[in-house]
Amino acid sequence: MPSSVIRRFSYDEPHRRLRVTFTSGDVYEYDEVPPEVNEAFRAAFSKGRFFGPNIRDRYPYRRVGKAFRTH
């Protein structure tokens, strides 16, 4: 299901880093995310509802930029 909060995400398994692009265009990276959390996130029906309690503020993170919008 498309998310009203999360535009896309990717996971770098060797570094256990989750990169999330929000619909606002903000891009964040979350470190030390276990592969099983990534898999559960990928499988979640609602990405936004999963993200809040399971990823946000649970892992070290940083804002890495702003994605450009394409129309």
Protein backbone atom coordinates (compact mmCIF):
# COMPACT_ATOMS: atom_id res chain seq x y z
CA MET A 1 0.00 0.00 0.00
CA PRO A 2 1.38 3.46 -0.81
CA SER A 3 2.28 5.47 2.26
CA SER A 4 1.20 9.04 2.92
CA VAL A 5 4.40 9.54 4.94
CA ILE A 6 7.14 7.42 3.33
CA ARG A 7 7.96 7.81 -0.35
CA ARG A 8 10.61 5.05 -0.52
CA PHE A 9 13.29 3.27 1.44
CA SER A 10 16.33 1.11 0.86
CA TYR A 11 18.47 -1.09 3.06
CA ASP A 12 22.23 -1.59 3.06
CA GLU A 13 22.54 -4.97 4.75
CA PRO A 14 26.35 -5.09 5.16
CA HIS A 15 26.19 -1.77 7.07
CA ARG A 16 22.75 -2.38 8.62
CA ARG A 17 21.66 1.05 7.39
CA LEU A 18 18.10 1.94 6.44
CA ARG A 19 17.64 4.99 4.20
CA VAL A 20 14.15 6.49 4.24
CA THR A 21 12.83 9.19 1.93
CA PHE A 22 9.71 10.84 3.32
CA THR A 23 6.99 12.41 1.22
CA SER A 24 8.26 15.80 2.44
CA GLY A 25 11.48 15.04 0.55
CA ASP A 26 13.57 14.71 3.73
CA VAL A 27 16.01 11.80 3.59
CA TYR A 28 17.21 10.10 6.79
CA GLU A 29 19.55 7.20 7.46
CA TYR A 30 19.02 4.89 10.41
CA ASP A 31 22.01 2.87 11.62
CA GLU A 32 22.22 -0.51 13.34
CA VAL A 33 18.84 -1.64 11.95
CA PRO A 34 18.73 -5.44 12.07
CA PRO A 35 17.83 -7.29 8.86
CA GLU A 36 14.71 -8.73 10.48
CA VAL A 37 13.40 -5.22 11.22
CA ASN A 38 14.01 -4.25 7.60
CA GLU A 39 12.12 -7.35 6.43
CA ALA A 40 9.22 -6.61 8.75
CA PHE A 41 9.17 -3.00 7.51
CA ARG A 42 9.17 -4.18 3.90
CA ALA A 43 6.31 -6.60 4.63
CA ALA A 44 4.23 -4.14 6.67
CA PHE A 45 0.89 -3.21 5.15
CA SER A 46 1.24 0.34 6.49
CA LYS A 47 4.83 1.56 6.30
CA GLY A 48 4.04 4.70 8.33
CA ARG A 49 2.38 2.79 11.16
CA PHE A 50 5.26 0.33 11.33
CA PHE A 51 7.92 3.04 11.14
CA GLY A 52 6.70 5.08 14.12
CA PRO A 53 6.96 2.54 16.94
CA ASN A 54 9.55 0.21 15.41
CA ILE A 55 12.19 2.44 13.82
CA ARG A 56 11.81 6.14 14.65
CA ASP A 57 13.84 7.05 17.73
CA ARG A 58 14.89 3.41 18.25
CA TYR A 59 18.04 3.56 16.13
CA PRO A 60 20.74 6.20 15.67
CA TYR A 61 19.77 8.44 12.77
CA ARG A 62 20.75 11.52 10.85
CA ARG A 63 19.20 13.70 8.19
CA VAL A 64 21.25 13.29 5.04
CA GLY A 65 19.46 15.64 2.69
CA LYS A 66 16.41 16.53 0.73
CA ALA A 67 15.22 14.52 -2.26
CA PHE A 68 14.31 16.40 -5.40
CA ARG A 69 10.71 16.09 -6.44
CA THR A 70 9.99 14.91 -9.93
CA HIS A 71 6.66 15.59 -11.61
